[in-house]
PDB file of N, CA and C in Angstrom:
ATOM      1  N   UNK A   1       0.878  -1.100   0.026  1.00  0.00           N
ATOM      2  CA  UNK A   1       0.067   0.162  -0.027  1.00  0.00           C
ATOM      3  C   UNK A   1       1.272   1.279   0.055  1.00  0.00           C
ATOM      4  N   UNK A   2       0.521   2.305  -0.974  1.00  0.00           N
ATOM      5  CA  UNK A   2       1.235   3.393  -0.842  1.00  0.00           C
ATOM      6  C   UNK A   2       0.537   4.800  -0.539  1.00  0.00           C
ATOM      7  N   UNK A   3       1.016   5.601   0.295  1.00  0.00           N
ATOM      8  CA  UNK A   3       0.360   6.539   0.741  1.00  0.00           C
ATOM      9  C   UNK A   3       0.698   7.828  -0.091  1.00  0.00           C
ATOM     10  N   UNK A   4       1.333   7.481  -1.545  1.00  0.00           N
ATOM     11  CA  UNK A   4       1.798   8.507  -2.167  1.00  0.00           C
ATOM     12  C   UNK A   4       0.921   9.619  -2.698  1.00  0.00           C
ATOM     13  N   UNK A   5      -0.332   9.563  -2.804  1.00  0.00           N
ATOM     14  CA  UNK A   5      -1.036  10.399  -3.201  1.00  0.00           C
ATOM     15  C   UNK A   5      -1.152  11.636  -2.214  1.00  0.00           C
ATOM     16  N   UNK A   6      -1.061  11.469  -0.887  1.00  0.00           N
ATOM     17  CA  UNK A   6      -1.230  12.376  -0.085  1.00  0.00           C
ATOM     18  C   UNK A   6      -0.183  13.121  -0.133  1.00  0.00           C
ATOM     19  N   UNK A   7       0.870  13.166  -0.907  1.00  0.00           N
ATOM     20  CA  UNK A   7       2.149  13.911  -0.727  1.00  0.00           C
ATOM     21  C   UNK A   7       1.928  15.377  -0.908  1.00  0.00           C
ATOM     22  N   UNK A   8       2.432  15.999   0.059  1.00  0.00           N
ATOM     23  CA  UNK A   8       2.130  17.613   0.076  1.00  0.00           C
ATOM     24  C   UNK A   8       0.879  18.257   0.873  1.00  0.00           C
ATOM     25  N   UNK A   9       0.408  17.342   1.517  1.00  0.00           N
ATOM     26  CA  UNK A   9      -0.594  17.820   2.490  1.00  0.00           C
ATOM     27  C   UNK A   9      -0.009  18.229   4.020  1.00  0.00           C
ATOM     28  N   UNK A  10      -0.823  18.977   4.606  1.00  0.00           N
ATOM     29  CA  UNK A  10      -0.223  19.375   5.633  1.00  0.00           C
ATOM     30  C   UNK A  10      -0.591  18.808   6.904  1.00  0.00           C
ATOM     31  N   UNK A  11      -1.628  18.007   6.689  1.00  0.00           N
ATOM     32  CA  UNK A  11      -2.370  17.141   7.917  1.00  0.00           C
ATOM     33  C   UNK A  11      -1.419  16.265   8.120  1.00  0.00           C
ATOM     34  N   UNK A  12      -1.563  15.714   9.668  1.00  0.00           N
ATOM     35  CA  UNK A  12      -0.533  14.281   9.969  1.00  0.00           C
ATOM     36  C   UNK A  12      -1.014  13.015   9.831  1.00  0.00           C
ATOM     37  N   UNK A  13      -2.293  13.076   9.015  1.00  0.00           N
ATOM     38  CA  UNK A  13      -2.743  11.745   8.433  1.00  0.00           C
ATOM     39  C   UNK A  13      -3.292  11.961   6.916  1.00  0.00           C
ATOM     40  N   UNK A  14      -3.381  10.642   6.626  1.00  0.00           N
ATOM     41  CA  UNK A  14      -3.782  10.277   5.023  1.00  0.00           C
ATOM     42  C   UNK A  14      -4.630   9.104   4.979  1.00  0.00           C
ATOM     43  N   UNK A  15      -5.819   9.395   4.382  1.00  0.00           N
ATOM     44  CA  UNK A  15      -6.753   8.040   3.927  1.00  0.00           C
ATOM     45  C   UNK A  15      -6.634   7.650   2.510  1.00  0.00           C
ATOM     46  N   UNK A  16      -6.792   6.469   2.077  1.00  0.00           N
ATOM     47  CA  UNK A  16      -6.664   6.493   0.977  1.00  0.00           C
ATOM     48  C   UNK A  16      -8.111   5.203   0.602  1.00  0.00           C
ATOM     49  N   UNK A  17      -8.608   4.956  -0.247  1.00  0.00           N
ATOM     50  CA  UNK A  17      -9.663   4.068  -0.655  1.00  0.00           C
ATOM     51  C   UNK A  17      -8.966   2.735  -0.664  1.00  0.00           C
ATOM     52  N   UNK A  18      -9.964   1.723  -0.375  1.00  0.00           N
ATOM     53  CA  UNK A  18      -9.618   0.299   0.127  1.00  0.00           C
ATOM     54  C   UNK A  18      -9.657  -0.501  -1.212  1.00  0.00           C
ATOM     55  N   UNK A  19     -10.116   0.272  -2.345  1.00  0.00           N
ATOM     56  CA  UNK A  19     -10.688  -0.844  -3.485  1.00  0.00           C
ATOM     57  C   UNK A  19     -12.108  -1.161  -3.384  1.00  0.00           C
ATOM     58  N   UNK A  20     -12.684  -0.747  -2.276  1.00  0.00           N
ATOM     59  CA  UNK A  20     -14.132  -1.402  -2.222  1.00  0.00           C
ATOM     60  C   UNK A  20     -15.047   0.008  -1.584  1.00  0.00           C
ATOM     61  N   UNK A  21     -16.345   0.312  -2.297  1.00  0.00           N
ATOM     62  CA  UNK A  21     -17.041   1.362  -1.704  1.00  0.00           C
ATOM     63  C   UNK A  21     -17.086   0.852  -0.492  1.00  0.00           C
ATOM     64  N   UNK A  22     -16.833   2.038   0.396  1.00  0.00           N
ATOM     65  CA  UNK A  22     -17.418   2.196   1.708  1.00  0.00           C
ATOM     66  C   UNK A  22     -16.121   1.772   2.753  1.00  0.00           C
ATOM     67  N   UNK A  23     -15.284   1.442   2.158  1.00  0.00           N
ATOM     68  CA  UNK A  23     -14.068   1.100   2.940  1.00  0.00           C
ATOM     69  C   UNK A  23     -12.858   2.114   2.555  1.00  0.00           C
ATOM     70  N   UNK A  24     -12.153   2.370   3.779  1.00  0.00           N
ATOM     71  CA  UNK A  24     -10.632   3.065   3.448  1.00  0.00           C
ATOM     72  C   UNK A  24      -9.937   2.834   4.468  1.00  0.00           C
ATOM     73  N   UNK A  25      -8.317   3.108   4.225  1.00  0.00           N
ATOM     74  CA  UNK A  25      -7.604   2.983   4.853  1.00  0.00           C
ATOM     75  C   UNK A  25      -6.998   4.212   5.481  1.00  0.00           C
ATOM     76  N   UNK A  26      -6.561   4.643   6.381  1.00  0.00           N
ATOM     77  CA  UNK A  26      -5.812   5.691   7.064  1.00  0.00           C
ATOM     78  C   UNK A  26      -4.601   5.590   8.061  1.00  0.00           C
ATOM     79  N   UNK A  27      -3.610   6.606   7.606  1.00  0.00           N
ATOM     80  CA  UNK A  27      -2.409   6.288   8.275  1.00  0.00           C
ATOM     81  C   UNK A  27      -2.187   7.841   9.122  1.00  0.00           C
ATOM     82  N   UNK A  28      -1.862   7.581  10.351  1.00  0.00           N
ATOM     83  CA  UNK A  28      -1.748   9.049  10.962  1.00  0.00           C
ATOM     84  C   UNK A  28      -0.501   8.850  11.808  1.00  0.00           C
ATOM     85  N   UNK A  29       0.006  10.098  12.198  1.00  0.00           N
ATOM     86  CA  UNK A  29       1.195  10.267  13.065  1.00  0.00           C
ATOM     87  C   UNK A  29       0.463  10.850  14.187  1.00  0.00           C
ATOM     88  N   UNK A  30       0.839  10.007  15.236  1.00  0.00           N
ATOM     89  CA  UNK A  30       0.528  10.318  16.546  1.00  0.00           C
ATOM     90  C   UNK A  30       1.419  10.712  17.495  1.00  0.00           C
ATOM     91  N   UNK A  31       1.073  11.343  18.724  1.00  0.00           N
ATOM     92  CA  UNK A  31       1.912  11.772  20.130  1.00  0.00           C
ATOM     93  C   UNK A  31       2.860  10.717  20.260  1.00  0.00           C
ATOM     94  N   UNK A  32       4.030  11.067  20.618  1.00  0.00           N
ATOM     95  CA  UNK A  32       4.911  10.151  21.489  1.00  0.00           C
ATOM     96  C   UNK A  32       5.347   9.230  20.240  1.00  0.00           C
ATOM     97  N   UNK A  33       6.072   9.833  19.135  1.00  0.00           N
ATOM     98  CA  UNK A  33       6.366   8.829  18.032  1.00  0.00           C
ATOM     99  C   UNK A  33       5.707   7.788  17.464  1.00  0.00           C
ATOM    100  N   UNK A  34       4.302   7.747  17.934  1.00  0.00           N
ATOM    101  CA  UNK A  34       3.672   6.595  17.430  1.00  0.00           C
ATOM    102  C   UNK A  34       3.004   6.997  16.095  1.00  0.00           C
ATOM    103  N   UNK A  35       2.610   5.866  15.207  1.00  0.00           N
ATOM    104  CA  UNK A  35       1.877   5.973  14.080  1.00  0.00           C
ATOM    105  C   UNK A  35       0.770   4.962  14.267  1.00  0.00           C
ATOM    106  N   UNK A  36      -0.377   5.390  13.569  1.00  0.00           N
ATOM    107  CA  UNK A  36      -1.704   4.407  13.354  1.00  0.00           C
ATOM    108  C   UNK A  36      -1.876   4.169  12.066  1.00  0.00           C
ATOM    109  N   UNK A  37      -2.450   2.670  12.017  1.00  0.00           N
ATOM    110  CA  UNK A  37      -3.154   2.730  10.466  1.00  0.00           C
ATOM    111  C   UNK A  37      -4.604   2.144  11.025  1.00  0.00           C
ATOM    112  N   UNK A  38      -5.588   2.694  10.275  1.00  0.00           N
ATOM    113  CA  UNK A  38      -6.860   2.469  10.649  1.00  0.00           C
ATOM    114  C   UNK A  38      -7.583   2.118   9.492  1.00  0.00           C
ATOM    115  N   UNK A  39      -8.744   1.331   9.896  1.00  0.00           N
ATOM    116  CA  UNK A  39      -9.686   0.888   8.557  1.00  0.00           C
ATOM    117  C   UNK A  39     -11.098   1.564   8.816  1.00  0.00           C
ATOM    118  N   UNK A  40     -11.740   2.326   7.741  1.00  0.00           N
ATOM    119  CA  UNK A  40     -12.811   2.925   7.809  1.00  0.00           C
ATOM    120  C   UNK A  40     -13.912   2.095   7.237  1.00  0.00           C
ATOM    121  N   UNK A  41     -14.996   1.966   7.691  1.00  0.00           N
ATOM    122  CA  UNK A  41     -16.202   1.369   7.214  1.00  0.00           C
ATOM    123  C   UNK A  41     -17.519   1.934   7.304  1.00  0.00           C
ATOM    124  N   UNK A  42     -17.827   2.518   6.170  1.00  0.00           N
ATOM    125  CA  UNK A  42     -19.184   3.327   5.935  1.00  0.00           C
ATOM    126  C   UNK A  42     -19.584   3.274   5.004  1.00  0.00           C
ATOM    127  N   UNK A  43     -20.517   2.146   4.762  1.00  0.00           N
ATOM    128  CA  UNK A  43     -21.451   1.824   3.528  1.00  0.00           C
ATOM    129  C   UNK A  43     -22.455   2.758   3.544  1.00  0.00           C
ATOM    130  N   UNK A  44     -23.011   3.381   4.301  1.00  0.00           N
ATOM    131  CA  UNK A  44     -23.823   4.170   4.254  1.00  0.00           C
ATOM    132  C   UNK A  44     -25.314   3.475   4.954  1.00  0.00           C
ATOM    133  N   UNK A  45     -24.901   2.332   5.472  1.00  0.00           N
ATOM    134  CA  UNK A  45     -26.171   1.386   6.175  1.00  0.00           C
ATOM    135  C   UNK A  45     -25.395   0.940   7.267  1.00  0.00           C
ATOM    136  N   UNK A  46     -26.091   1.121   8.407  1.00  0.00           N
ATOM    137  CA  UNK A  46     -25.484   1.083   9.777  1.00  0.00           C
ATOM    138  C   UNK A  46     -25.662  -0.664   9.972  1.00  0.00           C
ATOM    139  N   UNK A  47     -26.483  -1.381   9.664  1.00  0.00           N
ATOM    140  CA  UNK A  47     -26.548  -2.696   9.484  1.00  0.00           C
ATOM    141  C   UNK A  47     -25.477  -3.482   8.943  1.00  0.00           C
ATOM    142  N   UNK A  48     -25.270  -2.894   7.819  1.00  0.00           N
ATOM    143  CA  UNK A  48     -24.107  -3.334   7.037  1.00  0.00           C
ATOM    144  C   UNK A  48     -22.799  -3.222   7.753  1.00  0.00           C
ATOM    145  N   UNK A  49     -22.682  -1.888   8.057  1.00  0.00           N
ATOM    146  CA  UNK A  49     -21.490  -1.618   8.568  1.00  0.00           C
ATOM    147  C   UNK A  49     -21.095  -2.598   9.780  1.00  0.00           C
ATOM    148  N   UNK A  50     -22.154  -3.062  10.483  1.00  0.00           N
ATOM    149  CA  UNK A  50     -21.816  -3.617  11.640  1.00  0.00           C
ATOM    150  C   UNK A  50     -21.630  -5.206  11.591  1.00  0.00           C
ATOM    151  N   UNK A  51     -22.219  -5.606  10.095  1.00  0.00           N
ATOM    152  CA  UNK A  51     -21.801  -6.843   9.628  1.00  0.00           C
ATOM    153  C   UNK A  51     -20.521  -7.129   9.199  1.00  0.00           C
ATOM    154  N   UNK A  52     -19.882  -6.212   8.159  1.00  0.00           N
ATOM    155  CA  UNK A  52     -18.591  -6.146   7.863  1.00  0.00           C
ATOM    156  C   UNK A  52     -17.674  -5.941   9.117  1.00  0.00           C
ATOM    157  N   UNK A  53     -17.867  -5.054  10.101  1.00  0.00           N
ATOM    158  CA  UNK A  53     -17.042  -5.222  11.167  1.00  0.00           C
ATOM    159  C   UNK A  53     -17.089  -6.470  11.935  1.00  0.00           C
ATOM    160  N   UNK A  54     -17.936  -7.042  12.220  1.00  0.00           N
ATOM    161  CA  UNK A  54     -18.027  -8.284  12.584  1.00  0.00           C
ATOM    162  C   UNK A  54     -17.278  -9.488  12.064  1.00  0.00           C
ATOM    163  N   UNK A  55     -17.436  -9.657  10.979  1.00  0.00           N
ATOM    164  CA  UNK A  55     -16.686 -10.383   9.829  1.00  0.00           C
ATOM    165  C   UNK A  55     -15.024 -10.010  10.115  1.00  0.00           C
ATOM    166  N   UNK A  56     -14.766  -8.909  10.257  1.00  0.00           N
ATOM    167  CA  UNK A  56     -13.301  -8.360  10.271  1.00  0.00           C
ATOM    168  C   UNK A  56     -12.996  -8.809  11.837  1.00  0.00           C
ATOM    169  N   UNK A  57     -13.681  -8.357  12.593  1.00  0.00           N
ATOM    170  CA  UNK A  57     -13.246  -8.637  14.082  1.00  0.00           C
ATOM    171  C   UNK A  57     -13.121 -10.056  14.448  1.00  0.00           C
ATOM    172  N   UNK A  58     -14.030 -10.856  13.814  1.00  0.00           N
ATOM    173  CA  UNK A  58     -13.797 -12.370  13.984  1.00  0.00           C
ATOM    174  C   UNK A  58     -12.471 -12.957  13.732  1.00  0.00           C
ATOM    175  N   UNK A  59     -11.566 -12.243  12.737  1.00  0.00           N
ATOM    176  CA  UNK A  59     -10.215 -12.729  12.208  1.00  0.00           C
ATOM    177  C   UNK A  59      -9.145 -12.043  12.995  1.00  0.00           C
ATOM    178  N   UNK A  60      -9.374 -11.327  14.096  1.00  0.00           N
ATOM    179  CA  UNK A  60      -8.547 -10.370  14.878  1.00  0.00           C
ATOM    180  C   UNK A  60      -7.359 -11.144  15.601  1.00  0.00           C
ATOM    181  N   UNK A  61      -7.841 -12.172  16.041  1.00  0.00           N
ATOM    182  CA  UNK A  61      -6.711 -13.105  16.615  1.00  0.00           C
ATOM    183  C   UNK A  61      -5.702 -13.497  15.435  1.00  0.00           C
ATOM    184  N   UNK A  62      -6.266 -13.856  14.341  1.00  0.00           N
ATOM    185  CA  UNK A  62      -5.271 -14.426  13.308  1.00  0.00           C
ATOM    186  C   UNK A  62      -4.460 -13.216  12.612  1.00  0.00           C
ATOM    187  N   UNK A  63      -5.177 -12.078  12.476  1.00  0.00           N
ATOM    188  CA  UNK A  63      -4.475 -10.755  12.092  1.00  0.00           C
ATOM    189  C   UNK A  63      -3.284 -10.431  12.959  1.00  0.00           C
ATOM    190  N   UNK A  64      -3.771 -10.568  14.313  1.00  0.00           N
ATOM    191  CA  UNK A  64      -2.680 -10.272  15.304  1.00  0.00           C
ATOM    192  C   UNK A  64      -1.352 -11.122  15.230  1.00  0.00           C
ATOM    193  N   UNK A  65      -1.846 -12.527  14.991  1.00  0.00           N
ATOM    194  CA  UNK A  65      -0.799 -13.368  15.149  1.00  0.00           C
ATOM    195  C   UNK A  65       0.191 -12.902  13.538  1.00  0.00           C
ATOM    196  N   UNK A  66      -0.410 -12.791  12.453  1.00  0.00           N
ATOM    197  CA  UNK A  66       0.149 -12.118  11.298  1.00  0.00           C
ATOM    198  C   UNK A  66       1.347 -11.294  11.523  1.00  0.00           C
ATOM    199  N   UNK A  67       0.788 -10.204  12.117  1.00  0.00           N
ATOM    200  CA  UNK A  67       1.704  -8.993  11.930  1.00  0.00           C
ATOM    201  C   UNK A  67       2.345  -8.795  13.367  1.00  0.00           C
ATOM    202  N   UNK A  68       2.290  -9.757  14.296  1.00  0.00           N
ATOM    203  CA  UNK A  68       2.898  -9.860  15.735  1.00  0.00           C
ATOM    204  C   UNK A  68       2.648  -8.494  16.475  1.00  0.00           C
ATOM    205  N   UNK A  69       1.393  -8.026  16.552  1.00  0.00           N
ATOM    206  CA  UNK A  69       0.858  -6.883  17.063  1.00  0.00           C
ATOM    207  C   UNK A  69      -0.396  -6.936  17.328  1.00  0.00           C
ATOM    208  N   UNK A  70      -0.865  -6.510  18.837  1.00  0.00           N
ATOM    209  CA  UNK A  70      -2.077  -6.219  19.190  1.00  0.00           C
ATOM    210  C   UNK A  70      -3.019  -5.232  18.272  1.00  0.00           C
ATOM    211  N   UNK A  71      -4.165  -5.441  18.168  1.00  0.00           N
ATOM    212  CA  UNK A  71      -5.149  -4.461  17.710  1.00  0.00           C
ATOM    213  C   UNK A  71      -5.900  -3.947  18.658  1.00  0.00           C
ATOM    214  N   UNK A  72      -6.281  -2.646  18.164  1.00  0.00           N
ATOM    215  CA  UNK A  72      -7.414  -2.179  19.174  1.00  0.00           C
ATOM    216  C   UNK A  72      -8.432  -1.372  18.321  1.00  0.00           C
TER     217      UNK A  72
END
């Protein structure tokens, strides 16, 4: 994934589409030399958002093992 399209912007974050309507990734510089990566889900339908979140959350342990890091 490349955040190259955010070049030149003055904010400390950048969002890009995830290749599917209603989904986006965001990277942000935080305080104390931290960086975060977030997944946004907004299909415009609350129930659909919840279903997608639940499906992703069900894979949390596997993702944490893969990246060797806790997700929050």
